Amino acid sequence: MKQYYYESMAEYYDVLELNADWFYAKSNLFINSVLKRHKVKSVVDFTCGTGAQVLYLSKFYNVTASDLSRPMLKIAKAKARGQKTSIRFKHGNVMHVRLGRFDAALTVFNAIGHLNKNQFEVALKNISSNLKDNGIYIFDIFNSDYTKWALRYKFIDAAVRNQNNTIVRFNRNYLDKRRDILKVTQETWIQKKFDRPQVIRSSWDMKVYSLREIDSLLKRNGFRILRAYGGWGKRFSKANSLSMVVVAQKQRKAVGNA
């Protein structure tokens, strides 16, 4: 699978991905409601990016954060210092990093889609090793049964203007149904005031799953699904949900227990 190079866009990630405040508030409120329901005290985010979840959750929980991208992690650390939060950060790969034993774990915003199926199983074993018995695991992933993957044309994915930059991002997606691989081609135009625009082109693969496949993978690795949503708190629809948000629980005899 071809990987996304986060380092090339880390500087602009927050402007593009975190500009929809309502969306991130909704996702964080949903995650917090699940954690409260299960009386969680400690949380680990294995794919924290620039800190969209951990900065909010650190108001309520003992939070540890990790990410594979050093530039993204650097931004998250700087934001945490600015907000004077007590988050423990560590660079690491979700498949291998050992951070302790927690009540809950996160890998959100399609982070596991960057892993192939075998790698996801390795990651599940490692996540289990970092969770206490009956610990909660929250993640989301694109739904392979979604009926509208057939878009072949290039479309505008994001358009943002602030004091310094105008940024327009175009996407073209294609679903390889035989392998359940979403092939993403992206072109981002960045213009500082009236300077010549900088164009960043990238392409990568994302593994997508059906809910049935996710259920099987989780069971095989010592988890059970408590509930699956079709977005942050929305009812899941096999045909109409672009992605699924899964709340799973580690079983006492989970594979990969350390």
C-alpha atoms as a PDB file:
ATOM      1  CA  MET A   1       0.000   0.000   0.000  1.00  0.00           C
ATOM      2  CA  LYS A   2       1.244   3.430  -0.931  1.00  0.00           C
ATOM      3  CA  GLN A   3       1.518   5.685   2.128  1.00  0.00           C
ATOM      4  CA  TYR A   4       0.520   9.293   2.698  1.00  0.00           C
ATOM      5  CA  TYR A   5       3.462  11.565   3.471  1.00  0.00           C
ATOM      6  CA  TYR A   6       2.163  13.630   6.394  1.00  0.00           C
ATOM      7  CA  GLU A   7       5.422  15.523   6.696  1.00  0.00           C
ATOM      8  CA  SER A   8       4.717  17.416   3.465  1.00  0.00           C
ATOM      9  CA  MET A   9       1.431  18.812   4.793  1.00  0.00           C
ATOM     10  CA  ALA A  10       2.007  19.016   8.564  1.00  0.00           C
ATOM     11  CA  GLU A  11       2.321  22.817   8.414  1.00  0.00           C
ATOM     12  CA  TYR A  12      -1.131  23.123   6.841  1.00  0.00           C
ATOM     13  CA  TYR A  13      -2.887  20.191   8.516  1.00  0.00           C
ATOM     14  CA  ASP A  14      -4.747  22.210  11.144  1.00  0.00           C
ATOM     15  CA  VAL A  15      -5.879  24.832   8.633  1.00  0.00           C
ATOM     16  CA  LEU A  16      -7.321  22.180   6.322  1.00  0.00           C
ATOM     17  CA  GLU A  17      -8.515  19.489   8.700  1.00  0.00           C
ATOM     18  CA  LEU A  18      -9.402  21.374  11.876  1.00  0.00           C
ATOM     19  CA  ASN A  19     -11.147  24.366  10.317  1.00  0.00           C
ATOM     20  CA  ALA A  20     -14.584  22.776  10.770  1.00  0.00           C
ATOM     21  CA  ASP A  21     -14.808  23.451  14.501  1.00  0.00           C
ATOM     22  CA  TRP A  22     -18.314  22.000  14.761  1.00  0.00           C
ATOM     23  CA  PHE A  23     -17.113  18.670  13.377  1.00  0.00           C
ATOM     24  CA  TYR A  24     -14.236  18.339  15.818  1.00  0.00           C
ATOM     25  CA  ALA A  25     -16.373  19.507  18.717  1.00  0.00           C
ATOM     26  CA  LYS A  26     -18.923  16.844  17.767  1.00  0.00           C
ATOM     27  CA  SER A  27     -16.331  14.066  17.554  1.00  0.00           C
ATOM     28  CA  ASN A  28     -14.697  15.043  20.838  1.00  0.00           C
ATOM     29  CA  LEU A  29     -18.027  15.310  22.632  1.00  0.00           C
ATOM     30  CA  PHE A  30     -18.972  11.871  21.349  1.00  0.00           C
ATOM     31  CA  ILE A  31     -15.665  10.302  22.427  1.00  0.00           C
ATOM     32  CA  ASN A  32     -15.934  11.952  25.831  1.00  0.00           C
ATOM     33  CA  SER A  33     -19.476  10.647  26.309  1.00  0.00           C
ATOM     34  CA  VAL A  34     -18.310   7.079  25.606  1.00  0.00           C
ATOM     35  CA  LEU A  35     -15.339   7.408  27.961  1.00  0.00           C
ATOM     36  CA  LYS A  36     -17.552   8.791  30.734  1.00  0.00           C
ATOM     37  CA  ARG A  37     -20.053   5.986  30.279  1.00  0.00           C
ATOM     38  CA  HIS A  38     -17.279   3.448  30.883  1.00  0.00           C
ATOM     39  CA  LYS A  39     -15.780   5.363  33.821  1.00  0.00           C
ATOM     40  CA  VAL A  40     -12.447   5.826  32.083  1.00  0.00           C
ATOM     41  CA  LYS A  41      -9.605   7.587  33.891  1.00  0.00           C
ATOM     42  CA  SER A  42      -6.642   7.078  31.537  1.00  0.00           C
ATOM     43  CA  VAL A  43      -6.533   7.384  27.735  1.00  0.00           C
ATOM     44  CA  VAL A  44      -3.874   6.694  25.111  1.00  0.00           C
ATOM     45  CA  ASP A  45      -4.141   8.103  21.589  1.00  0.00           C
ATOM     46  CA  PHE A  46      -1.817   6.137  19.278  1.00  0.00           C
ATOM     47  CA  THR A  47      -2.405   8.415  16.268  1.00  0.00           C
ATOM     48  CA  CYS A  48      -2.734  11.841  17.880  1.00  0.00           C
ATOM     49  CA  GLY A  49      -1.649  13.904  14.868  1.00  0.00           C
ATOM     50  CA  THR A  50      -1.564  17.573  15.831  1.00  0.00           C
ATOM     51  CA  GLY A  51      -3.595  16.936  18.985  1.00  0.00           C
ATOM     52  CA  ALA A  52      -7.232  17.396  17.945  1.00  0.00           C
ATOM     53  CA  GLN A  53      -8.490  14.865  20.490  1.00  0.00           C
ATOM     54  CA  VAL A  54      -5.853  14.782  23.217  1.00  0.00           C
ATOM     55  CA  LEU A  55      -5.887  18.510  23.912  1.00  0.00           C
ATOM     56  CA  TYR A  56      -9.613  18.359  24.605  1.00  0.00           C
ATOM     57  CA  LEU A  57      -9.578  15.063  26.492  1.00  0.00           C
ATOM     58  CA  SER A  58      -6.706  16.161  28.746  1.00  0.00           C
ATOM     59  CA  LYS A  59      -9.229  18.409  30.532  1.00  0.00           C
ATOM     60  CA  PHE A  60     -10.926  15.294  31.893  1.00  0.00           C
ATOM     61  CA  TYR A  61      -8.465  12.376  31.779  1.00  0.00           C
ATOM     62  CA  ASN A  62      -4.869  11.331  32.250  1.00  0.00           C
ATOM     63  CA  VAL A  63      -3.769  11.393  28.601  1.00  0.00           C
ATOM     64  CA  THR A  64      -0.796   9.896  26.756  1.00  0.00           C
ATOM     65  CA  ALA A  65      -0.291  10.625  23.056  1.00  0.00           C
ATOM     66  CA  SER A  66       1.810   9.123  20.290  1.00  0.00           C
ATOM     67  CA  ASP A  67       2.167   9.471  16.531  1.00  0.00           C
ATOM     68  CA  LEU A  68       4.377   8.114  13.753  1.00  0.00           C
ATOM     69  CA  SER A  69       4.890  11.567  12.199  1.00  0.00           C
ATOM     70  CA  ARG A  70       7.473  13.630  14.058  1.00  0.00           C
ATOM     71  CA  PRO A  71       6.375  16.958  12.464  1.00  0.00           C
ATOM     72  CA  MET A  72       2.748  16.336  13.478  1.00  0.00           C
ATOM     73  CA  LEU A  73       3.821  15.351  16.983  1.00  0.00           C
ATOM     74  CA  LYS A  74       5.968  18.491  17.232  1.00  0.00           C
ATOM     75  CA  ILE A  75       2.926  20.660  16.484  1.00  0.00           C
ATOM     76  CA  ALA A  76       0.829  18.784  19.065  1.00  0.00           C
ATOM     77  CA  LYS A  77       3.522  19.284  21.720  1.00  0.00           C
ATOM     78  CA  ALA A  78       3.741  23.020  20.983  1.00  0.00           C
ATOM     79  CA  LYS A  79      -0.030  23.391  21.284  1.00  0.00           C
ATOM     80  CA  ALA A  80      -0.027  21.458  24.563  1.00  0.00           C
ATOM     81  CA  ARG A  81       2.681  23.743  25.969  1.00  0.00           C
ATOM     82  CA  GLY A  82       0.664  26.778  24.907  1.00  0.00           C
ATOM     83  CA  GLN A  83      -2.393  25.452  26.685  1.00  0.00           C
ATOM     84  CA  LYS A  84      -0.334  24.283  29.685  1.00  0.00           C
ATOM     85  CA  THR A  85      -1.732  20.771  29.569  1.00  0.00           C
ATOM     86  CA  SER A  86      -0.061  17.754  31.152  1.00  0.00           C
ATOM     87  CA  ILE A  87      -0.050  15.331  28.229  1.00  0.00           C
ATOM     88  CA  ARG A  88       2.741  12.761  27.927  1.00  0.00           C
ATOM     89  CA  PHE A  89       3.944  12.554  24.321  1.00  0.00           C
ATOM     90  CA  LYS A  90       6.055   9.847  22.712  1.00  0.00           C
ATOM     91  CA  HIS A  91       6.999   9.218  19.106  1.00  0.00           C
ATOM     92  CA  GLY A  92       5.964   5.730  18.054  1.00  0.00           C
ATOM     93  CA  ASN A  93       4.221   3.328  15.704  1.00  0.00           C
ATOM     94  CA  VAL A  94       0.817   1.958  16.720  1.00  0.00           C
ATOM     95  CA  MET A  95       2.040  -1.511  15.779  1.00  0.00           C
ATOM     96  CA  HIS A  96       4.905  -1.520  18.283  1.00  0.00           C
ATOM     97  CA  VAL A  97       4.983   1.330  20.797  1.00  0.00           C
ATOM     98  CA  ARG A  98       4.470   0.380  24.456  1.00  0.00           C
ATOM     99  CA  LEU A  99       3.173   3.233  26.577  1.00  0.00           C
ATOM    100  CA  GLY A 100       1.631   1.568  29.632  1.00  0.00           C
ATOM    101  CA  ARG A 101      -1.750   0.139  30.582  1.00  0.00           C
ATOM    102  CA  PHE A 102      -4.783   2.338  29.972  1.00  0.00           C
ATOM    103  CA  ASP A 103      -8.534   2.312  30.417  1.00  0.00           C
ATOM    104  CA  ALA A 104      -9.113   3.399  26.806  1.00  0.00           C
ATOM    105  CA  ALA A 105      -7.307   3.747  23.474  1.00  0.00           C
ATOM    106  CA  LEU A 106      -7.978   5.823  20.352  1.00  0.00           C
ATOM    107  CA  THR A 107      -6.961   5.711  16.693  1.00  0.00           C
ATOM    108  CA  VAL A 108      -9.326   8.105  14.940  1.00  0.00           C
ATOM    109  CA  PHE A 109      -9.869   9.840  11.600  1.00  0.00           C
ATOM    110  CA  ASN A 110      -9.217   6.724   9.509  1.00  0.00           C
ATOM    111  CA  ALA A 111      -5.735   6.251  10.951  1.00  0.00           C
ATOM    112  CA  ILE A 112      -5.886   2.460  10.692  1.00  0.00           C
ATOM    113  CA  GLY A 113      -6.745   2.778   7.008  1.00  0.00           C
ATOM    114  CA  HIS A 114      -3.037   3.440   6.405  1.00  0.00           C
ATOM    115  CA  LEU A 115      -2.330  -0.145   7.502  1.00  0.00           C
ATOM    116  CA  ASN A 116      -2.931  -3.252   5.449  1.00  0.00           C
ATOM    117  CA  LYS A 117      -4.954  -6.047   7.047  1.00  0.00           C
ATOM    118  CA  ASN A 118      -1.927  -7.898   8.462  1.00  0.00           C
ATOM    119  CA  GLN A 119      -0.529  -4.676   9.913  1.00  0.00           C
ATOM    120  CA  PHE A 120      -3.898  -3.846  11.447  1.00  0.00           C
ATOM    121  CA  GLU A 121      -3.887  -7.209  13.219  1.00  0.00           C
ATOM    122  CA  VAL A 122      -0.381  -6.480  14.547  1.00  0.00           C
ATOM    123  CA  ALA A 123      -1.651  -3.086  15.721  1.00  0.00           C
ATOM    124  CA  LEU A 124      -4.662  -4.687  17.437  1.00  0.00           C
ATOM    125  CA  LYS A 125      -2.364  -6.989  19.397  1.00  0.00           C
ATOM    126  CA  ASN A 126      -0.231  -4.053  20.457  1.00  0.00           C
ATOM    127  CA  ILE A 127      -3.248  -1.921  21.380  1.00  0.00           C
ATOM    128  CA  SER A 128      -4.478  -4.832  23.487  1.00  0.00           C
ATOM    129  CA  SER A 129      -1.096  -4.956  25.242  1.00  0.00           C
ATOM    130  CA  ASN A 130      -1.497  -1.293  26.159  1.00  0.00           C
ATOM    131  CA  LEU A 131      -5.037  -1.733  27.501  1.00  0.00           C
ATOM    132  CA  LYS A 132      -6.277  -3.014  30.810  1.00  0.00           C
ATOM    133  CA  ASP A 133      -8.749  -5.907  30.817  1.00  0.00           C
ATOM    134  CA  ASN A 134     -12.138  -4.688  29.572  1.00  0.00           C
ATOM    135  CA  GLY A 135     -10.460  -1.548  28.224  1.00  0.00           C
ATOM    136  CA  ILE A 136     -12.263   0.472  25.552  1.00  0.00           C
ATOM    137  CA  TYR A 137     -10.942   0.963  22.008  1.00  0.00           C
ATOM    138  CA  ILE A 138     -12.511   3.676  19.812  1.00  0.00           C
ATOM    139  CA  PHE A 139     -11.635   3.998  16.130  1.00  0.00           C
ATOM    140  CA  ASP A 140     -13.163   4.890  12.800  1.00  0.00           C
ATOM    141  CA  ILE A 141     -12.634   3.554   9.294  1.00  0.00           C
ATOM    142  CA  PHE A 142     -14.147   4.019   5.842  1.00  0.00           C
ATOM    143  CA  ASN A 143     -17.022   1.652   5.069  1.00  0.00           C
ATOM    144  CA  SER A 144     -16.406  -0.541   1.998  1.00  0.00           C
ATOM    145  CA  ASP A 145     -20.163  -1.130   1.577  1.00  0.00           C
ATOM    146  CA  TYR A 146     -20.830   2.581   1.066  1.00  0.00           C
ATOM    147  CA  THR A 147     -22.607   2.839  -2.292  1.00  0.00           C
ATOM    148  CA  LYS A 148     -21.187   6.172  -3.486  1.00  0.00           C
ATOM    149  CA  TRP A 149     -17.502   5.280  -3.869  1.00  0.00           C
ATOM    150  CA  ALA A 150     -17.877   5.442  -7.658  1.00  0.00           C
ATOM    151  CA  LEU A 151     -16.962   9.162  -7.920  1.00  0.00           C
ATOM    152  CA  ARG A 152     -14.323   9.288 -10.652  1.00  0.00           C
ATOM    153  CA  TYR A 153     -14.145  13.049 -11.176  1.00  0.00           C
ATOM    154  CA  LYS A 154     -11.899  15.481  -9.318  1.00  0.00           C
ATOM    155  CA  PHE A 155     -13.782  17.415  -6.645  1.00  0.00           C
ATOM    156  CA  ILE A 156     -13.009  20.238  -4.212  1.00  0.00           C
ATOM    157  CA  ASP A 157     -12.394  18.672  -0.822  1.00  0.00           C
ATOM    158  CA  ALA A 158     -11.488  21.838   1.117  1.00  0.00           C
ATOM    159  CA  ALA A 159     -11.192  25.574   0.553  1.00  0.00           C
ATOM    160  CA  VAL A 160      -9.805  27.825   3.275  1.00  0.00           C
ATOM    161  CA  ARG A 161      -8.747  31.447   3.437  1.00  0.00           C
ATOM    162  CA  ASN A 162      -7.075  33.134   6.391  1.00  0.00           C
ATOM    163  CA  GLN A 163      -4.900  36.225   6.864  1.00  0.00           C
ATOM    164  CA  ASN A 164      -1.847  34.658   5.216  1.00  0.00           C
ATOM    165  CA  ASN A 165      -2.973  31.878   2.894  1.00  0.00           C
ATOM    166  CA  THR A 166      -5.624  30.783   0.475  1.00  0.00           C
ATOM    167  CA  ILE A 167      -5.694  26.991   0.235  1.00  0.00           C
ATOM    168  CA  VAL A 168      -7.776  24.886  -2.128  1.00  0.00           C
ATOM    169  CA  ARG A 169      -7.573  21.091  -2.111  1.00  0.00           C
ATOM    170  CA  PHE A 170      -8.804  18.772  -4.852  1.00  0.00           C
ATOM    171  CA  ASN A 171      -9.425  15.043  -4.439  1.00  0.00           C
ATOM    172  CA  ARG A 172      -9.991  12.155  -6.793  1.00  0.00           C
ATOM    173  CA  ASN A 173     -10.876   8.780  -5.240  1.00  0.00           C
ATOM    174  CA  TYR A 174     -11.158   5.328  -6.738  1.00  0.00           C
ATOM    175  CA  LEU A 175     -12.177   2.171  -4.884  1.00  0.00           C
ATOM    176  CA  ASP A 176     -10.408  -1.023  -5.913  1.00  0.00           C
ATOM    177  CA  LYS A 177     -13.288  -3.333  -4.964  1.00  0.00           C
ATOM    178  CA  ARG A 178     -11.272  -6.524  -5.409  1.00  0.00           C
ATOM    179  CA  ARG A 179      -8.800  -5.531  -2.697  1.00  0.00           C
ATOM    180  CA  ASP A 180     -10.973  -3.004  -0.815  1.00  0.00           C
ATOM    181  CA  ILE A 181      -8.297  -0.349  -1.293  1.00  0.00           C
ATOM    182  CA  LEU A 182      -9.344   3.280  -1.700  1.00  0.00           C
ATOM    183  CA  LYS A 183      -6.874   5.022  -3.981  1.00  0.00           C
ATOM    184  CA  VAL A 184      -6.664   8.732  -3.210  1.00  0.00           C
ATOM    185  CA  THR A 185      -5.080  11.377  -5.419  1.00  0.00           C
ATOM    186  CA  GLN A 186      -4.832  14.855  -3.935  1.00  0.00           C
ATOM    187  CA  GLU A 187      -3.712  18.224  -5.238  1.00  0.00           C
ATOM    188  CA  THR A 188      -3.359  21.157  -2.827  1.00  0.00           C
ATOM    189  CA  TRP A 189      -2.906  24.738  -4.050  1.00  0.00           C
ATOM    190  CA  ILE A 190      -1.420  27.111  -1.477  1.00  0.00           C
ATOM    191  CA  GLN A 191      -1.173  30.823  -2.222  1.00  0.00           C
ATOM    192  CA  LYS A 192       0.396  33.325   0.177  1.00  0.00           C
ATOM    193  CA  LYS A 193      -1.310  36.638  -0.499  1.00  0.00           C
ATOM    194  CA  PHE A 194      -0.770  37.211  -4.250  1.00  0.00           C
ATOM    195  CA  ASP A 195       2.388  35.123  -4.657  1.00  0.00           C
ATOM    196  CA  ARG A 196       2.608  32.343  -7.216  1.00  0.00           C
ATOM    197  CA  PRO A 197       0.690  29.360  -5.799  1.00  0.00           C
ATOM    198  CA  GLN A 198       2.587  26.373  -4.473  1.00  0.00           C
ATOM    199  CA  VAL A 199       1.087  23.076  -5.638  1.00  0.00           C
ATOM    200  CA  ILE A 200       1.566  19.916  -3.580  1.00  0.00           C
ATOM    201  CA  ARG A 201       0.540  16.660  -5.263  1.00  0.00           C
ATOM    202  CA  SER A 202       0.255  13.378  -3.422  1.00  0.00           C
ATOM    203  CA  SER A 203      -1.381   9.995  -3.752  1.00  0.00           C
ATOM    204  CA  TRP A 204      -1.832   7.131  -1.354  1.00  0.00           C
ATOM    205  CA  ASP A 205      -3.872   4.042  -0.529  1.00  0.00           C
ATOM    206  CA  MET A 206      -6.404   3.518   2.272  1.00  0.00           C
ATOM    207  CA  LYS A 207      -7.648   0.099   3.357  1.00  0.00           C
ATOM    208  CA  VAL A 208     -11.416   0.036   3.792  1.00  0.00           C
ATOM    209  CA  TYR A 209     -13.544  -2.582   5.531  1.00  0.00           C
ATOM    210  CA  SER A 210     -17.095  -3.785   5.900  1.00  0.00           C
ATOM    211  CA  LEU A 211     -18.537  -3.904   9.396  1.00  0.00           C
ATOM    212  CA  ARG A 212     -18.588  -7.696   9.112  1.00  0.00           C
ATOM    213  CA  GLU A 213     -14.825  -7.754   8.401  1.00  0.00           C
ATOM    214  CA  ILE A 214     -14.111  -5.414  11.300  1.00  0.00           C
ATOM    215  CA  ASP A 215     -16.162  -7.597  13.627  1.00  0.00           C
ATOM    216  CA  SER A 216     -14.210 -10.692  12.538  1.00  0.00           C
ATOM    217  CA  LEU A 217     -10.815  -8.994  12.919  1.00  0.00           C
ATOM    218  CA  LEU A 218     -11.666  -7.689  16.370  1.00  0.00           C
ATOM    219  CA  LYS A 219     -12.957 -11.053  17.595  1.00  0.00           C
ATOM    220  CA  ARG A 220      -9.860 -12.818  16.280  1.00  0.00           C
ATOM    221  CA  ASN A 221      -7.683 -10.426  18.279  1.00  0.00           C
ATOM    222  CA  GLY A 222      -9.530 -10.480  21.571  1.00  0.00           C
ATOM    223  CA  PHE A 223     -12.007  -7.591  21.201  1.00  0.00           C
ATOM    224  CA  ARG A 224     -15.767  -7.408  20.856  1.00  0.00           C
ATOM    225  CA  ILE A 225     -17.819  -4.625  19.345  1.00  0.00           C
ATOM    226  CA  LEU A 226     -19.994  -2.831  21.864  1.00  0.00           C
ATOM    227  CA  ARG A 227     -21.541  -0.626  19.194  1.00  0.00           C
ATOM    228  CA  ALA A 228     -20.853   0.648  15.686  1.00  0.00           C
ATOM    229  CA  TYR A 229     -22.010   4.077  14.528  1.00  0.00           C
ATOM    230  CA  GLY A 230     -22.306   5.649  11.095  1.00  0.00           C
ATOM    231  CA  GLY A 231     -20.342   8.699  12.161  1.00  0.00           C
ATOM    232  CA  TRP A 232     -20.031  10.464  15.505  1.00  0.00           C
ATOM    233  CA  GLY A 233     -23.158   9.256  17.275  1.00  0.00           C
ATOM    234  CA  LYS A 234     -25.153   8.577  14.101  1.00  0.00           C
ATOM    235  CA  ARG A 235     -26.968   5.343  13.304  1.00  0.00           C
ATOM    236  CA  PHE A 236     -24.893   3.045  11.072  1.00  0.00           C
ATOM    237  CA  SER A 237     -26.232   2.246   7.618  1.00  0.00           C
ATOM    238  CA  LYS A 238     -24.440  -0.423   5.570  1.00  0.00           C
ATOM    239  CA  ALA A 239     -25.140   1.311   2.259  1.00  0.00           C
ATOM    240  CA  ASN A 240     -25.267   4.971   3.259  1.00  0.00           C
ATOM    241  CA  SER A 241     -22.607   5.489   5.958  1.00  0.00           C
ATOM    242  CA  LEU A 242     -19.339   6.780   4.508  1.00  0.00           C
ATOM    243  CA  SER A 243     -17.466   5.528   7.556  1.00  0.00           C
ATOM    244  CA  MET A 244     -18.061   3.612  10.750  1.00  0.00           C
ATOM    245  CA  VAL A 245     -17.104   4.616  14.278  1.00  0.00           C
ATOM    246  CA  VAL A 246     -16.488   1.493  16.347  1.00  0.00           C
ATOM    247  CA  VAL A 247     -16.549   1.243  20.124  1.00  0.00           C
ATOM    248  CA  ALA A 248     -14.892  -2.060  21.061  1.00  0.00           C
ATOM    249  CA  GLN A 249     -13.885  -3.681  24.324  1.00  0.00           C
ATOM    250  CA  LYS A 250     -10.862  -5.806  25.125  1.00  0.00           C
ATOM    251  CA  GLN A 251     -11.754  -9.207  26.488  1.00  0.00           C
ATOM    252  CA  ARG A 252      -9.941 -10.695  29.456  1.00  0.00           C
ATOM    253  CA  LYS A 253      -8.206 -13.365  27.369  1.00  0.00           C
ATOM    254  CA  ALA A 254      -7.350 -11.100  24.440  1.00  0.00           C
ATOM    255  CA  VAL A 255      -4.681 -12.235  21.978  1.00  0.00           C
ATOM    256  CA  GLY A 256      -1.481 -10.281  22.506  1.00  0.00           C
ATOM    257  CA  ASN A 257      -1.921  -9.739  26.242  1.00  0.00           C
ATOM    258  CA  ALA A 258       1.348  -8.764  27.873  1.00  0.00           C
END
